[in-house]
Structure formats: C-alpha cells, structure tokens
C-alpha cells in the first residue's frame, strides 16, 4: 500500500490546473513537452478511480473527478474521439479501445454511457474492417490512409477488454 500511495501522491502532485496530467513528469517534460493523449490519460484516470475507491481519501477523489472532467471535455467531440485534445489524427485502435474501456470502467452510475457509445460507434465506423480491428488511420494533408494491419496485443486484445467492460457495465443485467 505504501508504494501505491507514493505513486498516487506523485501523480496527483503532477496534476495540472485543468485536471490533466502530462505523459512525462515535469522533470522529464523536455522529451515531449506537455504531451497528452487519450490512452495514457485513460490509464491514469482508471488508476485514480481504483486508488480513490481503495483508500477512500478525498484528495484522490478530487484528482479523479478533475481528470475525468478534462477527459470528457477534451477527447470526445461531435461524434468522434480525439487522440490528443487538439486533433483526432492519427485515429488509433489503442486510443479508441481505451476510450471505451475507461468510460465503461469508471461509470458506476451509468451517467456517461453516451460517451462510451460514441467511442464504440466511432471505433466500429473507422477501424473495424473485414471482421477485425485495424491499427490506425493517418492523415497527411487531405489524404487519409488506413493501415489495415491487425495487431493482437495493441488492438484486438484491448478491444476485447474494452468490449467486455462495456457489456459488463451497461448490459450485464440483460445477459443470463
């Protein structure tokens, strides 16, 4: 518990005013300054959610709530999800899967199902191809290119986890 709490304290000490936490700590920020993305943010939010449930301390609940608000406000927009707050490209299976997984995992009162639905619909529309999930869509200028490789660990496994979280959260009562 002590190690977990030290890690949680470090993470919350790195939280920005808007609720986000940069991928690199402030000491390492020079590597990729102020980097934010949907999947690392999702990992951190899910972790903060678990930590606050286990430790039941208001500081972790506050950090979780702030980060969740940032996440919903900055990564979901007009029927699409964004890899970073400023762009949807590249559209990446790992980011899409984490969006579904994160919302489904933390949505205990089912307040945010519309976000999970949006992420699922966006993912199926853009990255489901020939019965599998493709790696990503890149955009250079006006040209979009689908990279149709299906990666078991990076894409399919994360989508399996995301879909199982989604079904468990929103449909477990209807499955007998």
C-alpha atoms as a PDB file:
ATOM      1  CA  UNK A   1       0.000   0.000   0.000  1.00  0.00           C
ATOM      2  CA  UNK A   2       2.849   2.379   0.825  1.00  0.00           C
ATOM      3  CA  UNK A   3       4.356   2.096  -2.668  1.00  0.00           C
ATOM      4  CA  UNK A   4       0.985   2.539  -4.300  1.00  0.00           C
ATOM      5  CA  UNK A   5       0.253   5.588  -2.209  1.00  0.00           C
ATOM      6  CA  UNK A   6       3.656   7.116  -3.056  1.00  0.00           C
ATOM      7  CA  UNK A   7       2.935   6.626  -6.755  1.00  0.00           C
ATOM      8  CA  UNK A   8      -0.536   8.121  -6.378  1.00  0.00           C
ATOM      9  CA  UNK A   9       0.846  11.088  -4.455  1.00  0.00           C
ATOM     10  CA  UNK A  10       3.461  11.688  -7.152  1.00  0.00           C
ATOM     11  CA  UNK A  11       0.842  11.538  -9.907  1.00  0.00           C
ATOM     12  CA  UNK A  12      -1.557  13.883  -8.153  1.00  0.00           C
ATOM     13  CA  UNK A  13       1.283  16.321  -7.452  1.00  0.00           C
ATOM     14  CA  UNK A  14       1.816  16.457 -11.237  1.00  0.00           C
ATOM     15  CA  UNK A  15      -1.824  17.276 -11.998  1.00  0.00           C
ATOM     16  CA  UNK A  16      -2.381  20.483 -13.964  1.00  0.00           C
ATOM     17  CA  UNK A  17      -4.992  23.109 -13.092  1.00  0.00           C
ATOM     18  CA  UNK A  18      -7.280  21.853 -15.870  1.00  0.00           C
ATOM     19  CA  UNK A  19      -7.233  18.334 -14.348  1.00  0.00           C
ATOM     20  CA  UNK A  20      -4.870  16.736 -16.878  1.00  0.00           C
ATOM     21  CA  UNK A  21      -1.571  15.042 -16.122  1.00  0.00           C
ATOM     22  CA  UNK A  22       1.168  15.185 -18.770  1.00  0.00           C
ATOM     23  CA  UNK A  23       2.609  11.906 -20.000  1.00  0.00           C
ATOM     24  CA  UNK A  24       6.097  12.904 -18.871  1.00  0.00           C
ATOM     25  CA  UNK A  25       6.599  14.290 -15.387  1.00  0.00           C
ATOM     26  CA  UNK A  26       7.674  17.912 -15.111  1.00  0.00           C
ATOM     27  CA  UNK A  27      11.292  16.788 -14.649  1.00  0.00           C
ATOM     28  CA  UNK A  28      11.151  14.793 -17.914  1.00  0.00           C
ATOM     29  CA  UNK A  29       8.816  17.126 -19.815  1.00  0.00           C
ATOM     30  CA  UNK A  30      11.640  18.101 -22.189  1.00  0.00           C
ATOM     31  CA  UNK A  31      11.274  14.764 -24.047  1.00  0.00           C
ATOM     32  CA  UNK A  32       7.843  15.555 -25.401  1.00  0.00           C
ATOM     33  CA  UNK A  33       6.647  18.816 -23.836  1.00  0.00           C
ATOM     34  CA  UNK A  34       3.145  18.873 -22.392  1.00  0.00           C
ATOM     35  CA  UNK A  35       2.158  15.620 -24.103  1.00  0.00           C
ATOM     36  CA  UNK A  36      -1.387  14.394 -23.546  1.00  0.00           C
ATOM     37  CA  UNK A  37      -3.150  11.524 -25.304  1.00  0.00           C
ATOM     38  CA  UNK A  38      -6.369   9.603 -24.872  1.00  0.00           C
ATOM     39  CA  UNK A  39      -4.893   6.252 -23.890  1.00  0.00           C
ATOM     40  CA  UNK A  40      -2.362   7.367 -21.254  1.00  0.00           C
ATOM     41  CA  UNK A  41      -4.981   9.706 -19.812  1.00  0.00           C
ATOM     42  CA  UNK A  42      -7.428   6.804 -19.694  1.00  0.00           C
ATOM     43  CA  UNK A  43      -4.900   4.579 -17.875  1.00  0.00           C
ATOM     44  CA  UNK A  44      -4.291   7.311 -15.304  1.00  0.00           C
ATOM     45  CA  UNK A  45      -7.980   8.027 -14.776  1.00  0.00           C
ATOM     46  CA  UNK A  46      -8.780   4.343 -14.258  1.00  0.00           C
ATOM     47  CA  UNK A  47      -5.893   4.105 -11.797  1.00  0.00           C
ATOM     48  CA  UNK A  48      -7.013   7.171  -9.857  1.00  0.00           C
ATOM     49  CA  UNK A  49     -10.523   5.745  -9.740  1.00  0.00           C
ATOM     50  CA  UNK A  50      -9.290   2.477  -8.211  1.00  0.00           C
ATOM     51  CA  UNK A  51      -6.962   4.253  -5.790  1.00  0.00           C
ATOM     52  CA  UNK A  52      -9.703   6.531  -4.503  1.00  0.00           C
ATOM     53  CA  UNK A  53     -12.057   3.559  -4.085  1.00  0.00           C
ATOM     54  CA  UNK A  54      -9.462   1.563  -2.122  1.00  0.00           C
ATOM     55  CA  UNK A  55      -8.052   4.390   0.002  1.00  0.00           C
ATOM     56  CA  UNK A  56     -11.232   6.458   0.248  1.00  0.00           C
ATOM     57  CA  UNK A  57      -9.296   9.725   0.588  1.00  0.00           C
ATOM     58  CA  UNK A  58     -10.768  12.958  -0.699  1.00  0.00           C
ATOM     59  CA  UNK A  59      -7.541  14.093  -2.407  1.00  0.00           C
ATOM     60  CA  UNK A  60      -7.682  11.120  -4.800  1.00  0.00           C
ATOM     61  CA  UNK A  61     -11.394  11.542  -5.403  1.00  0.00           C
ATOM     62  CA  UNK A  62     -10.837  15.216  -6.230  1.00  0.00           C
ATOM     63  CA  UNK A  63      -7.947  14.381  -8.587  1.00  0.00           C
ATOM     64  CA  UNK A  64     -10.041  11.673 -10.275  1.00  0.00           C
ATOM     65  CA  UNK A  65     -13.051  13.959 -10.736  1.00  0.00           C
ATOM     66  CA  UNK A  66     -10.925  16.779 -12.181  1.00  0.00           C
ATOM     67  CA  UNK A  67      -9.154  14.450 -14.606  1.00  0.00           C
ATOM     68  CA  UNK A  68     -12.418  12.774 -15.650  1.00  0.00           C
ATOM     69  CA  UNK A  69     -13.932  16.178 -16.472  1.00  0.00           C
ATOM     70  CA  UNK A  70     -10.853  17.106 -18.510  1.00  0.00           C
ATOM     71  CA  UNK A  71     -11.030  13.754 -20.349  1.00  0.00           C
ATOM     72  CA  UNK A  72     -14.694  14.044 -21.281  1.00  0.00           C
ATOM     73  CA  UNK A  73     -14.343  17.695 -22.285  1.00  0.00           C
ATOM     74  CA  UNK A  74     -11.213  17.275 -24.411  1.00  0.00           C
ATOM     75  CA  UNK A  75     -11.287  13.831 -26.048  1.00  0.00           C
ATOM     76  CA  UNK A  76     -14.928  13.483 -27.143  1.00  0.00           C
ATOM     77  CA  UNK A  77     -16.363  15.858 -29.711  1.00  0.00           C
ATOM     78  CA  UNK A  78     -19.212  15.791 -32.239  1.00  0.00           C
ATOM     79  CA  UNK A  79     -19.438  12.016 -32.592  1.00  0.00           C
ATOM     80  CA  UNK A  80     -15.708  11.429 -32.700  1.00  0.00           C
ATOM     81  CA  UNK A  81     -12.931  10.798 -30.253  1.00  0.00           C
ATOM     82  CA  UNK A  82      -9.595  12.563 -30.384  1.00  0.00           C
ATOM     83  CA  UNK A  83      -6.141  11.071 -29.860  1.00  0.00           C
ATOM     84  CA  UNK A  84      -4.995  14.385 -28.342  1.00  0.00           C
ATOM     85  CA  UNK A  85      -7.034  17.385 -27.240  1.00  0.00           C
ATOM     86  CA  UNK A  86      -6.088  19.253 -30.437  1.00  0.00           C
ATOM     87  CA  UNK A  87      -6.576  16.540 -33.103  1.00  0.00           C
ATOM     88  CA  UNK A  88      -8.323  13.291 -33.994  1.00  0.00           C
ATOM     89  CA  UNK A  89      -5.393  12.061 -36.160  1.00  0.00           C
ATOM     90  CA  UNK A  90      -3.986   9.575 -36.128  1.00  0.00           C
ATOM     91  CA  UNK A  91      -7.068   7.544 -35.312  1.00  0.00           C
ATOM     92  CA  UNK A  92      -5.531   4.722 -33.340  1.00  0.00           C
ATOM     93  CA  UNK A  93      -7.135   1.452 -32.202  1.00  0.00           C
ATOM     94  CA  UNK A  94      -5.422   1.575 -28.834  1.00  0.00           C
ATOM     95  CA  UNK A  95      -6.790   5.053 -28.111  1.00  0.00           C
ATOM     96  CA  UNK A  96     -10.272   4.086 -29.265  1.00  0.00           C
ATOM     97  CA  UNK A  97     -10.237   0.918 -27.145  1.00  0.00           C
ATOM     98  CA  UNK A  98      -9.022   2.816 -24.084  1.00  0.00           C
ATOM     99  CA  UNK A  99     -11.779   5.420 -24.502  1.00  0.00           C
ATOM    100  CA  UNK A 100     -14.419   2.660 -24.346  1.00  0.00           C
ATOM    101  CA  UNK A 101     -12.571   0.852 -21.561  1.00  0.00           C
ATOM    102  CA  UNK A 102     -12.017   3.951 -19.423  1.00  0.00           C
ATOM    103  CA  UNK A 103     -15.578   5.235 -19.554  1.00  0.00           C
ATOM    104  CA  UNK A 104     -17.087   1.783 -19.044  1.00  0.00           C
ATOM    105  CA  UNK A 105     -14.764   1.056 -16.107  1.00  0.00           C
ATOM    106  CA  UNK A 106     -15.465   4.236 -14.160  1.00  0.00           C
ATOM    107  CA  UNK A 107     -19.143   4.793 -14.976  1.00  0.00           C
ATOM    108  CA  UNK A 108     -20.637   3.164 -11.888  1.00  0.00           C
ATOM    109  CA  UNK A 109     -23.869   5.198 -12.057  1.00  0.00           C
ATOM    110  CA  UNK A 110     -24.169   4.912 -15.839  1.00  0.00           C
ATOM    111  CA  UNK A 111     -24.044   8.691 -16.276  1.00  0.00           C
ATOM    112  CA  UNK A 112     -21.584   8.629 -19.167  1.00  0.00           C
ATOM    113  CA  UNK A 113     -22.890   5.840 -21.396  1.00  0.00           C
ATOM    114  CA  UNK A 114     -23.328   8.330 -24.232  1.00  0.00           C
ATOM    115  CA  UNK A 115     -19.533   8.814 -24.262  1.00  0.00           C
ATOM    116  CA  UNK A 116     -18.898   5.056 -24.308  1.00  0.00           C
ATOM    117  CA  UNK A 117     -21.482   4.684 -27.095  1.00  0.00           C
ATOM    118  CA  UNK A 118     -19.843   7.497 -29.055  1.00  0.00           C
ATOM    119  CA  UNK A 119     -16.417   5.878 -28.738  1.00  0.00           C
ATOM    120  CA  UNK A 120     -17.768   2.459 -29.731  1.00  0.00           C
ATOM    121  CA  UNK A 121     -19.636   3.786 -32.767  1.00  0.00           C
ATOM    122  CA  UNK A 122     -16.629   5.863 -33.843  1.00  0.00           C
ATOM    123  CA  UNK A 123     -14.334   2.840 -33.500  1.00  0.00           C
ATOM    124  CA  UNK A 124     -16.615   0.482 -35.420  1.00  0.00           C
ATOM    125  CA  UNK A 125     -17.152   3.055 -38.167  1.00  0.00           C
ATOM    126  CA  UNK A 126     -13.474   3.862 -38.616  1.00  0.00           C
ATOM    127  CA  UNK A 127     -11.379   0.890 -37.527  1.00  0.00           C
ATOM    128  CA  UNK A 128     -13.453  -2.279 -37.946  1.00  0.00           C
ATOM    129  CA  UNK A 129     -12.559  -3.798 -41.313  1.00  0.00           C
ATOM    130  CA  UNK A 130     -13.117  -7.328 -42.638  1.00  0.00           C
ATOM    131  CA  UNK A 131     -14.039  -8.693 -39.220  1.00  0.00           C
ATOM    132  CA  UNK A 132     -11.081  -7.264 -37.348  1.00  0.00           C
ATOM    133  CA  UNK A 133      -9.810  -4.017 -35.900  1.00  0.00           C
ATOM    134  CA  UNK A 134      -7.146  -2.274 -37.934  1.00  0.00           C
ATOM    135  CA  UNK A 135      -4.175  -0.428 -36.459  1.00  0.00           C
ATOM    136  CA  UNK A 136      -4.795   3.210 -37.395  1.00  0.00           C
ATOM    137  CA  UNK A 137      -5.757   5.890 -39.871  1.00  0.00           C
ATOM    138  CA  UNK A 138      -3.231   8.564 -40.633  1.00  0.00           C
ATOM    139  CA  UNK A 139      -3.796  11.841 -42.422  1.00  0.00           C
ATOM    140  CA  UNK A 140      -1.252  13.830 -44.384  1.00  0.00           C
ATOM    141  CA  UNK A 141      -2.705  16.972 -45.859  1.00  0.00           C
ATOM    142  CA  UNK A 142      -6.031  15.946 -47.372  1.00  0.00           C
ATOM    143  CA  UNK A 143      -5.035  12.314 -47.827  1.00  0.00           C
ATOM    144  CA  UNK A 144      -6.199   9.707 -45.329  1.00  0.00           C
ATOM    145  CA  UNK A 145      -4.610   6.283 -45.270  1.00  0.00           C
ATOM    146  CA  UNK A 146      -5.805   3.225 -43.378  1.00  0.00           C
ATOM    147  CA  UNK A 147      -3.085   0.991 -42.007  1.00  0.00           C
ATOM    148  CA  UNK A 148      -5.023  -2.260 -42.157  1.00  0.00           C
ATOM    149  CA  UNK A 149      -2.705  -4.368 -40.046  1.00  0.00           C
ATOM    150  CA  UNK A 150      -4.455  -6.039 -37.148  1.00  0.00           C
ATOM    151  CA  UNK A 151      -2.272  -6.245 -34.052  1.00  0.00           C
ATOM    152  CA  UNK A 152      -3.382  -8.811 -31.489  1.00  0.00           C
ATOM    153  CA  UNK A 153      -1.896  -7.113 -28.408  1.00  0.00           C
ATOM    154  CA  UNK A 154      -2.115  -3.467 -29.438  1.00  0.00           C
ATOM    155  CA  UNK A 155      -5.601  -3.566 -30.943  1.00  0.00           C
ATOM    156  CA  UNK A 156      -7.629  -6.741 -30.719  1.00  0.00           C
ATOM    157  CA  UNK A 157      -6.780  -7.581 -27.100  1.00  0.00           C
ATOM    158  CA  UNK A 158      -7.504  -4.027 -25.948  1.00  0.00           C
ATOM    159  CA  UNK A 159     -10.765  -4.009 -27.884  1.00  0.00           C
ATOM    160  CA  UNK A 160     -11.731  -7.359 -26.325  1.00  0.00           C
ATOM    161  CA  UNK A 161     -11.116  -5.841 -22.893  1.00  0.00           C
ATOM    162  CA  UNK A 162     -12.972  -2.651 -23.800  1.00  0.00           C
ATOM    163  CA  UNK A 163     -15.962  -4.519 -25.195  1.00  0.00           C
ATOM    164  CA  UNK A 164     -16.126  -6.785 -22.153  1.00  0.00           C
ATOM    165  CA  UNK A 165     -16.060  -3.729 -19.837  1.00  0.00           C
ATOM    166  CA  UNK A 166     -18.744  -2.071 -21.958  1.00  0.00           C
ATOM    167  CA  UNK A 167     -21.025  -5.130 -21.907  1.00  0.00           C
ATOM    168  CA  UNK A 168     -20.418  -5.719 -18.201  1.00  0.00           C
ATOM    169  CA  UNK A 169     -21.190  -2.113 -17.268  1.00  0.00           C
ATOM    170  CA  UNK A 170     -24.178  -1.465 -19.466  1.00  0.00           C
ATOM    171  CA  UNK A 171     -25.748  -4.841 -20.296  1.00  0.00           C
ATOM    172  CA  UNK A 172     -24.873  -7.383 -17.593  1.00  0.00           C
ATOM    173  CA  UNK A 173     -28.454  -7.368 -16.242  1.00  0.00           C
ATOM    174  CA  UNK A 174     -29.817  -8.428 -19.637  1.00  0.00           C
ATOM    175  CA  UNK A 175     -27.379 -11.324 -20.083  1.00  0.00           C
ATOM    176  CA  UNK A 176     -28.474 -14.539 -18.409  1.00  0.00           C
END
